[in-house]
């Protein structure tokens, strides 16, 4: 029988999610992040670490994923016009 090379996966490797949206609430370690995108509002698992904050976005780590949130103004589509 031939020897097969088995590549072991790093069990601590986290999936990276890149998305565009805004934070609905301030980002706090120990709390969930609430993210609003154009079509939905979502929550993450508990935030462990805030990795990077800049004018263009924020990168943070939760229990199971790393999020790179590109902040962009999301315009509401409504029939209301301000005078």
PDB file of N, CA and C in Angstrom:
ATOM      1  N   UNK A   1       0.836  -1.166   0.000  1.00  0.00           N
ATOM      2  CA  UNK A   1       0.000   0.000   0.000  1.00  0.00           C
ATOM      3  C   UNK A   1       0.892   1.244   0.000  1.00  0.00           C
ATOM      4  N   UNK A   2       0.530   2.231  -0.797  1.00  0.00           N
ATOM      5  CA  UNK A   2       1.301   3.460  -0.876  1.00  0.00           C
ATOM      6  C   UNK A   2       1.047   4.335   0.340  1.00  0.00           C
ATOM      7  N   UNK A   3       2.093   5.001   0.742  1.00  0.00           N
ATOM      8  CA  UNK A   3       1.921   5.943   1.849  1.00  0.00           C
ATOM      9  C   UNK A   3       1.284   7.216   1.305  1.00  0.00           C
ATOM     10  N   UNK A   4       0.240   7.641   1.941  1.00  0.00           N
ATOM     11  CA  UNK A   4      -0.424   8.881   1.545  1.00  0.00           C
ATOM     12  C   UNK A   4      -0.010   9.987   2.496  1.00  0.00           C
ATOM     13  N   UNK A   5       0.233  11.147   1.915  1.00  0.00           N
ATOM     14  CA  UNK A   5       0.548  12.292   2.760  1.00  0.00           C
ATOM     15  C   UNK A   5      -0.762  12.879   3.268  1.00  0.00           C
ATOM     16  N   UNK A   6      -0.847  12.981   4.551  1.00  0.00           N
ATOM     17  CA  UNK A   6      -2.050  13.538   5.165  1.00  0.00           C
ATOM     18  C   UNK A   6      -1.700  14.913   5.705  1.00  0.00           C
ATOM     19  N   UNK A   7      -2.409  15.888   5.216  1.00  0.00           N
ATOM     20  CA  UNK A   7      -2.194  17.252   5.676  1.00  0.00           C
ATOM     21  C   UNK A   7      -3.208  17.543   6.776  1.00  0.00           C
ATOM     22  N   UNK A   8      -2.709  17.816   7.938  1.00  0.00           N
ATOM     23  CA  UNK A   8      -3.599  18.110   9.053  1.00  0.00           C
ATOM     24  C   UNK A   8      -3.992  19.581   9.012  1.00  0.00           C
ATOM     25  N   UNK A   9      -5.270  19.814   9.211  1.00  0.00           N
ATOM     26  CA  UNK A   9      -5.787  21.174   9.237  1.00  0.00           C
ATOM     27  C   UNK A   9      -5.561  21.755  10.622  1.00  0.00           C
ATOM     28  N   UNK A  10      -5.279  23.017  10.669  1.00  0.00           N
ATOM     29  CA  UNK A  10      -5.121  23.702  11.941  1.00  0.00           C
ATOM     30  C   UNK A  10      -6.510  23.847  12.572  1.00  0.00           C
ATOM     31  N   UNK A  11      -6.763  23.219  13.707  1.00  0.00           N
ATOM     32  CA  UNK A  11      -8.108  23.270  14.287  1.00  0.00           C
ATOM     33  C   UNK A  11      -8.505  24.658  14.768  1.00  0.00           C
ATOM     34  N   UNK A  12      -7.525  25.548  14.942  1.00  0.00           N
ATOM     35  CA  UNK A  12      -7.851  26.891  15.404  1.00  0.00           C
ATOM     36  C   UNK A  12      -7.999  27.890  14.264  1.00  0.00           C
ATOM     37  N   UNK A  13      -7.827  27.453  13.019  1.00  0.00           N
ATOM     38  CA  UNK A  13      -7.967  28.354  11.882  1.00  0.00           C
ATOM     39  C   UNK A  13      -9.412  28.820  11.780  1.00  0.00           C
ATOM     40  N   UNK A  14      -9.588  30.122  11.666  1.00  0.00           N
ATOM     41  CA  UNK A  14     -10.932  30.684  11.608  1.00  0.00           C
ATOM     42  C   UNK A  14     -11.232  31.173  10.199  1.00  0.00           C
ATOM     43  N   UNK A  15     -12.471  31.038   9.801  1.00  0.00           N
ATOM     44  CA  UNK A  15     -12.926  31.507   8.508  1.00  0.00           C
ATOM     45  C   UNK A  15     -12.974  33.033   8.524  1.00  0.00           C
ATOM     46  N   UNK A  16     -12.539  33.670   7.427  1.00  0.00           N
ATOM     47  CA  UNK A  16     -12.582  35.124   7.316  1.00  0.00           C
ATOM     48  C   UNK A  16     -13.773  35.533   6.463  1.00  0.00           C
ATOM     49  N   UNK A  17     -14.573  36.443   6.985  1.00  0.00           N
ATOM     50  CA  UNK A  17     -15.748  36.963   6.291  1.00  0.00           C
ATOM     51  C   UNK A  17     -15.472  38.423   5.939  1.00  0.00           C
ATOM     52  N   UNK A  18     -15.564  38.773   4.653  1.00  0.00           N
ATOM     53  CA  UNK A  18     -15.415  40.155   4.208  1.00  0.00           C
ATOM     54  C   UNK A  18     -16.776  40.615   3.720  1.00  0.00           C
ATOM     55  N   UNK A  19     -17.273  41.715   4.290  1.00  0.00           N
ATOM     56  CA  UNK A  19     -18.590  42.199   3.898  1.00  0.00           C
ATOM     57  C   UNK A  19     -18.660  43.720   4.015  1.00  0.00           C
ATOM     58  N   UNK A  20     -19.662  44.310   3.356  1.00  0.00           N
ATOM     59  CA  UNK A  20     -19.887  45.749   3.411  1.00  0.00           C
ATOM     60  C   UNK A  20     -21.137  46.012   4.223  1.00  0.00           C
ATOM     61  N   UNK A  21     -21.049  46.938   5.157  1.00  0.00           N
ATOM     62  CA  UNK A  21     -22.191  47.270   5.994  1.00  0.00           C
ATOM     63  C   UNK A  21     -21.784  48.252   7.073  1.00  0.00           C
ATOM     64  N   UNK A  22     -22.642  48.401   8.069  1.00  0.00           N
ATOM     65  CA  UNK A  22     -22.352  49.284   9.195  1.00  0.00           C
ATOM     66  C   UNK A  22     -22.665  48.562  10.492  1.00  0.00           C
ATOM     67  N   UNK A  23     -22.000  48.980  11.557  1.00  0.00           N
ATOM     68  CA  UNK A  23     -22.299  48.435  12.875  1.00  0.00           C
ATOM     69  C   UNK A  23     -23.520  49.161  13.424  1.00  0.00           C
ATOM     70  N   UNK A  24     -24.507  48.403  13.885  1.00  0.00           N
ATOM     71  CA  UNK A  24     -25.710  49.000  14.452  1.00  0.00           C
ATOM     72  C   UNK A  24     -25.471  49.490  15.873  1.00  0.00           C
ATOM     73  N   UNK A  25     -24.569  48.848  16.591  1.00  0.00           N
ATOM     74  CA  UNK A  25     -24.217  49.207  17.968  1.00  0.00           C
ATOM     75  C   UNK A  25     -22.704  49.281  18.074  1.00  0.00           C
ATOM     76  N   UNK A  26     -22.180  49.982  19.082  1.00  0.00           N
ATOM     77  CA  UNK A  26     -20.719  50.005  19.261  1.00  0.00           C
ATOM     78  C   UNK A  26     -20.156  48.596  19.434  1.00  0.00           C
ATOM     79  N   UNK A  27     -18.975  48.384  18.913  1.00  0.00           N
ATOM     80  CA  UNK A  27     -18.308  47.084  18.976  1.00  0.00           C
ATOM     81  C   UNK A  27     -17.609  46.939  20.323  1.00  0.00           C
ATOM     82  N   UNK A  28     -17.983  45.917  21.091  1.00  0.00           N
ATOM     83  CA  UNK A  28     -17.423  45.705  22.432  1.00  0.00           C
ATOM     84  C   UNK A  28     -17.014  44.248  22.602  1.00  0.00           C
ATOM     85  N   UNK A  29     -15.766  43.993  23.004  1.00  0.00           N
ATOM     86  CA  UNK A  29     -15.365  42.616  23.308  1.00  0.00           C
ATOM     87  C   UNK A  29     -16.254  42.046  24.412  1.00  0.00           C
ATOM     88  N   UNK A  30     -16.631  40.792  24.245  1.00  0.00           N
ATOM     89  CA  UNK A  30     -17.516  40.143  25.208  1.00  0.00           C
ATOM     90  C   UNK A  30     -18.983  40.253  24.844  1.00  0.00           C
ATOM     91  N   UNK A  31     -19.302  41.062  23.837  1.00  0.00           N
ATOM     92  CA  UNK A  31     -20.682  41.237  23.364  1.00  0.00           C
ATOM     93  C   UNK A  31     -20.765  40.797  21.906  1.00  0.00           C
ATOM     94  N   UNK A  32     -21.976  40.591  21.432  1.00  0.00           N
ATOM     95  CA  UNK A  32     -22.185  40.275  20.018  1.00  0.00           C
ATOM     96  C   UNK A  32     -22.089  41.544  19.183  1.00  0.00           C
ATOM     97  N   UNK A  33     -21.676  41.405  17.932  1.00  0.00           N
ATOM     98  CA  UNK A  33     -21.667  42.529  16.995  1.00  0.00           C
ATOM     99  C   UNK A  33     -22.964  42.487  16.197  1.00  0.00           C
ATOM    100  N   UNK A  34     -23.590  43.632  16.049  1.00  0.00           N
ATOM    101  CA  UNK A  34     -24.804  43.754  15.243  1.00  0.00           C
ATOM    102  C   UNK A  34     -24.432  44.498  13.972  1.00  0.00           C
ATOM    103  N   UNK A  35     -24.580  43.808  12.825  1.00  0.00           N
ATOM    104  CA  UNK A  35     -24.160  44.347  11.538  1.00  0.00           C
ATOM    105  C   UNK A  35     -25.383  44.550  10.655  1.00  0.00           C
ATOM    106  N   UNK A  36     -25.447  45.731  10.049  1.00  0.00           N
ATOM    107  CA  UNK A  36     -26.549  46.041   9.141  1.00  0.00           C
ATOM    108  C   UNK A  36     -25.985  46.158   7.733  1.00  0.00           C
ATOM    109  N   UNK A  37     -26.515  45.336   6.831  1.00  0.00           N
ATOM    110  CA  UNK A  37     -26.134  45.406   5.422  1.00  0.00           C
ATOM    111  C   UNK A  37     -27.307  45.994   4.655  1.00  0.00           C
ATOM    112  N   UNK A  38     -27.178  46.067   3.362  1.00  0.00           N
ATOM    113  CA  UNK A  38     -28.249  46.662   2.555  1.00  0.00           C
ATOM    114  C   UNK A  38     -29.558  45.883   2.670  1.00  0.00           C
ATOM    115  N   UNK A  39     -29.472  44.562   2.834  1.00  0.00           N
ATOM    116  CA  UNK A  39     -30.675  43.741   2.799  1.00  0.00           C
ATOM    117  C   UNK A  39     -31.031  43.062   4.114  1.00  0.00           C
ATOM    118  N   UNK A  40     -30.168  43.143   5.117  1.00  0.00           N
ATOM    119  CA  UNK A  40     -30.469  42.415   6.353  1.00  0.00           C
ATOM    120  C   UNK A  40     -29.727  42.995   7.541  1.00  0.00           C
ATOM    121  N   UNK A  41     -30.157  42.584   8.712  1.00  0.00           N
ATOM    122  CA  UNK A  41     -29.457  42.894   9.949  1.00  0.00           C
ATOM    123  C   UNK A  41     -29.056  41.551  10.543  1.00  0.00           C
ATOM    124  N   UNK A  42     -27.805  41.419  10.935  1.00  0.00           N
ATOM    125  CA  UNK A  42     -27.331  40.136  11.446  1.00  0.00           C
ATOM    126  C   UNK A  42     -26.530  40.344  12.723  1.00  0.00           C
ATOM    127  N   UNK A  43     -26.372  39.278  13.461  1.00  0.00           N
ATOM    128  CA  UNK A  43     -25.569  39.306  14.673  1.00  0.00           C
ATOM    129  C   UNK A  43     -24.489  38.235  14.572  1.00  0.00           C
ATOM    130  N   UNK A  44     -23.392  38.461  15.257  1.00  0.00           N
ATOM    131  CA  UNK A  44     -22.287  37.506  15.245  1.00  0.00           C
ATOM    132  C   UNK A  44     -22.235  36.789  16.586  1.00  0.00           C
ATOM    133  N   UNK A  45     -21.324  35.850  16.695  1.00  0.00           N
ATOM    134  CA  UNK A  45     -21.052  35.269  18.009  1.00  0.00           C
ATOM    135  C   UNK A  45     -20.260  36.311  18.814  1.00  0.00           C
ATOM    136  N   UNK A  46     -19.914  36.000  20.022  1.00  0.00           N
ATOM    137  CA  UNK A  46     -19.263  36.948  20.923  1.00  0.00           C
ATOM    138  C   UNK A  46     -17.931  37.455  20.364  1.00  0.00           C
ATOM    139  N   UNK A  47     -17.755  38.772  20.384  1.00  0.00           N
ATOM    140  CA  UNK A  47     -16.516  39.393  19.913  1.00  0.00           C
ATOM    141  C   UNK A  47     -15.406  39.117  20.919  1.00  0.00           C
ATOM    142  N   UNK A  48     -14.283  38.585  20.425  1.00  0.00           N
ATOM    143  CA  UNK A  48     -13.133  38.319  21.290  1.00  0.00           C
ATOM    144  C   UNK A  48     -12.125  39.459  21.248  1.00  0.00           C
ATOM    145  N   UNK A  49     -11.801  39.917  20.029  1.00  0.00           N
ATOM    146  CA  UNK A  49     -10.758  40.927  19.865  1.00  0.00           C
ATOM    147  C   UNK A  49     -11.102  41.868  18.723  1.00  0.00           C
ATOM    148  N   UNK A  50     -10.830  43.154  18.909  1.00  0.00           N
ATOM    149  CA  UNK A  50     -10.924  44.122  17.821  1.00  0.00           C
ATOM    150  C   UNK A  50      -9.510  44.242  17.257  1.00  0.00           C
ATOM    151  N   UNK A  51      -9.333  43.819  16.012  1.00  0.00           N
ATOM    152  CA  UNK A  51      -8.000  43.731  15.418  1.00  0.00           C
ATOM    153  C   UNK A  51      -7.542  45.026  14.762  1.00  0.00           C
ATOM    154  N   UNK A  52      -8.468  45.728  14.090  1.00  0.00           N
ATOM    155  CA  UNK A  52      -8.081  46.925  13.343  1.00  0.00           C
ATOM    156  C   UNK A  52      -9.290  47.834  13.182  1.00  0.00           C
ATOM    157  N   UNK A  53      -9.072  49.128  13.341  1.00  0.00           N
ATOM    158  CA  UNK A  53     -10.124  50.120  13.128  1.00  0.00           C
ATOM    159  C   UNK A  53      -9.550  51.208  12.235  1.00  0.00           C
ATOM    160  N   UNK A  54     -10.271  51.540  11.153  1.00  0.00           N
ATOM    161  CA  UNK A  54      -9.834  52.608  10.255  1.00  0.00           C
ATOM    162  C   UNK A  54     -11.065  53.336   9.733  1.00  0.00           C
ATOM    163  N   UNK A  55     -10.833  54.386   8.947  1.00  0.00           N
ATOM    164  CA  UNK A  55     -11.953  55.132   8.373  1.00  0.00           C
ATOM    165  C   UNK A  55     -12.749  54.274   7.399  1.00  0.00           C
ATOM    166  N   UNK A  56     -12.084  53.329   6.765  1.00  0.00           N
ATOM    167  CA  UNK A  56     -12.755  52.523   5.745  1.00  0.00           C
ATOM    168  C   UNK A  56     -13.407  51.258   6.289  1.00  0.00           C
ATOM    169  N   UNK A  57     -13.116  50.894   7.539  1.00  0.00           N
ATOM    170  CA  UNK A  57     -13.732  49.681   8.066  1.00  0.00           C
ATOM    171  C   UNK A  57     -13.151  49.240   9.391  1.00  0.00           C
ATOM    172  N   UNK A  58     -13.555  48.052   9.785  1.00  0.00           N
ATOM    173  CA  UNK A  58     -13.108  47.480  11.052  1.00  0.00           C
ATOM    174  C   UNK A  58     -12.899  45.984  10.863  1.00  0.00           C
ATOM    175  N   UNK A  59     -11.898  45.451  11.543  1.00  0.00           N
ATOM    176  CA  UNK A  59     -11.634  44.017  11.497  1.00  0.00           C
ATOM    177  C   UNK A  59     -11.669  43.511  12.931  1.00  0.00           C
ATOM    178  N   UNK A  60     -12.479  42.472  13.170  1.00  0.00           N
ATOM    179  CA  UNK A  60     -12.589  41.934  14.522  1.00  0.00           C
ATOM    180  C   UNK A  60     -12.740  40.426  14.483  1.00  0.00           C
ATOM    181  N   UNK A  61     -12.431  39.803  15.614  1.00  0.00           N
ATOM    182  CA  UNK A  61     -12.444  38.345  15.732  1.00  0.00           C
ATOM    183  C   UNK A  61     -13.530  37.932  16.715  1.00  0.00           C
ATOM    184  N   UNK A  62     -14.314  36.929  16.311  1.00  0.00           N
ATOM    185  CA  UNK A  62     -15.313  36.346  17.200  1.00  0.00           C
ATOM    186  C   UNK A  62     -14.835  34.952  17.596  1.00  0.00           C
ATOM    187  N   UNK A  63     -15.685  34.208  18.279  1.00  0.00           N
ATOM    188  CA  UNK A  63     -15.291  32.861  18.706  1.00  0.00           C
ATOM    189  C   UNK A  63     -14.919  31.965  17.542  1.00  0.00           C
ATOM    190  N   UNK A  64     -15.613  32.124  16.399  1.00  0.00           N
ATOM    191  CA  UNK A  64     -15.400  31.181  15.300  1.00  0.00           C
ATOM    192  C   UNK A  64     -15.029  31.799  13.955  1.00  0.00           C
ATOM    193  N   UNK A  65     -15.026  33.144  13.848  1.00  0.00           N
ATOM    194  CA  UNK A  65     -14.733  33.781  12.562  1.00  0.00           C
ATOM    195  C   UNK A  65     -13.961  35.077  12.768  1.00  0.00           C
ATOM    196  N   UNK A  66     -13.343  35.536  11.680  1.00  0.00           N
ATOM    197  CA  UNK A  66     -12.731  36.858  11.637  1.00  0.00           C
ATOM    198  C   UNK A  66     -13.528  37.665  10.618  1.00  0.00           C
ATOM    199  N   UNK A  67     -14.040  38.809  11.037  1.00  0.00           N
ATOM    200  CA  UNK A  67     -14.848  39.663  10.175  1.00  0.00           C
ATOM    201  C   UNK A  67     -14.039  40.873   9.743  1.00  0.00           C
ATOM    202  N   UNK A  68     -14.106  41.189   8.446  1.00  0.00           N
ATOM    203  CA  UNK A  68     -13.541  42.421   7.909  1.00  0.00           C
ATOM    204  C   UNK A  68     -14.729  43.183   7.340  1.00  0.00           C
ATOM    205  N   UNK A  69     -15.216  44.135   8.116  1.00  0.00           N
ATOM    206  CA  UNK A  69     -16.406  44.897   7.751  1.00  0.00           C
ATOM    207  C   UNK A  69     -15.980  46.197   7.091  1.00  0.00           C
ATOM    208  N   UNK A  70     -16.301  46.320   5.809  1.00  0.00           N
ATOM    209  CA  UNK A  70     -16.007  47.544   5.074  1.00  0.00           C
ATOM    210  C   UNK A  70     -17.190  48.480   5.290  1.00  0.00           C
ATOM    211  N   UNK A  71     -16.939  49.564   5.991  1.00  0.00           N
ATOM    212  CA  UNK A  71     -18.015  50.488   6.344  1.00  0.00           C
ATOM    213  C   UNK A  71     -18.368  51.361   5.154  1.00  0.00           C
ATOM    214  N   UNK A  72     -19.647  51.411   4.878  1.00  0.00           N
ATOM    215  CA  UNK A  72     -20.145  52.213   3.781  1.00  0.00           C
ATOM    216  C   UNK A  72     -21.529  52.685   4.174  1.00  0.00           C
ATOM    217  N   UNK A  73     -21.855  53.918   3.835  1.00  0.00           N
ATOM    218  CA  UNK A  73     -23.177  54.433   4.151  1.00  0.00           C
ATOM    219  C   UNK A  73     -24.215  53.663   3.363  1.00  0.00           C
ATOM    220  N   UNK A  74     -25.225  53.193   4.065  1.00  0.00           N
ATOM    221  CA  UNK A  74     -26.300  52.442   3.428  1.00  0.00           C
ATOM    222  C   UNK A  74     -27.523  53.342   3.393  1.00  0.00           C
ATOM    223  N   UNK A  75     -27.941  53.706   2.205  1.00  0.00           N
ATOM    224  CA  UNK A  75     -29.076  54.602   2.075  1.00  0.00           C
ATOM    225  C   UNK A  75     -30.376  53.828   2.193  1.00  0.00           C
ATOM    226  N   UNK A  76     -31.284  54.386   2.965  1.00  0.00           N
ATOM    227  CA  UNK A  76     -32.601  53.780   3.122  1.00  0.00           C
ATOM    228  C   UNK A  76     -33.443  54.141   1.902  1.00  0.00           C
ATOM    229  N   UNK A  77     -34.146  53.176   1.397  1.00  0.00           N
ATOM    230  CA  UNK A  77     -35.064  53.439   0.306  1.00  0.00           C
ATOM    231  C   UNK A  77     -36.435  53.669   0.913  1.00  0.00           C
ATOM    232  N   UNK A  78     -36.894  54.913   0.871  1.00  0.00           N
ATOM    233  CA  UNK A  78     -38.209  55.220   1.419  1.00  0.00           C
ATOM    234  C   UNK A  78     -38.847  56.308   0.575  1.00  0.00           C
ATOM    235  N   UNK A  79     -40.121  56.478   0.768  1.00  0.00           N
ATOM    236  CA  UNK A  79     -40.858  57.486   0.024  1.00  0.00           C
ATOM    237  C   UNK A  79     -40.887  58.823   0.733  1.00  0.00           C
ATOM    238  N   UNK A  80     -40.171  58.950   1.835  1.00  0.00           N
ATOM    239  CA  UNK A  80     -40.186  60.183   2.611  1.00  0.00           C
ATOM    240  C   UNK A  80     -39.099  61.115   2.100  1.00  0.00           C
ATOM    241  N   UNK A  81     -39.490  62.346   1.824  1.00  0.00           N
ATOM    242  CA  UNK A  81     -38.539  63.351   1.373  1.00  0.00           C
ATOM    243  C   UNK A  81     -38.485  64.448   2.427  1.00  0.00           C
ATOM    244  N   UNK A  82     -37.294  64.763   2.887  1.00  0.00           N
ATOM    245  CA  UNK A  82     -37.134  65.825   3.888  1.00  0.00           C
ATOM    246  C   UNK A  82     -37.093  67.174   3.189  1.00  0.00           C
ATOM    247  N   UNK A  83     -37.793  68.150   3.758  1.00  0.00           N
ATOM    248  CA  UNK A  83     -37.820  69.495   3.165  1.00  0.00           C
ATOM    249  C   UNK A  83     -36.863  70.417   3.876  1.00  0.00           C
TER     250      UNK A  83
END
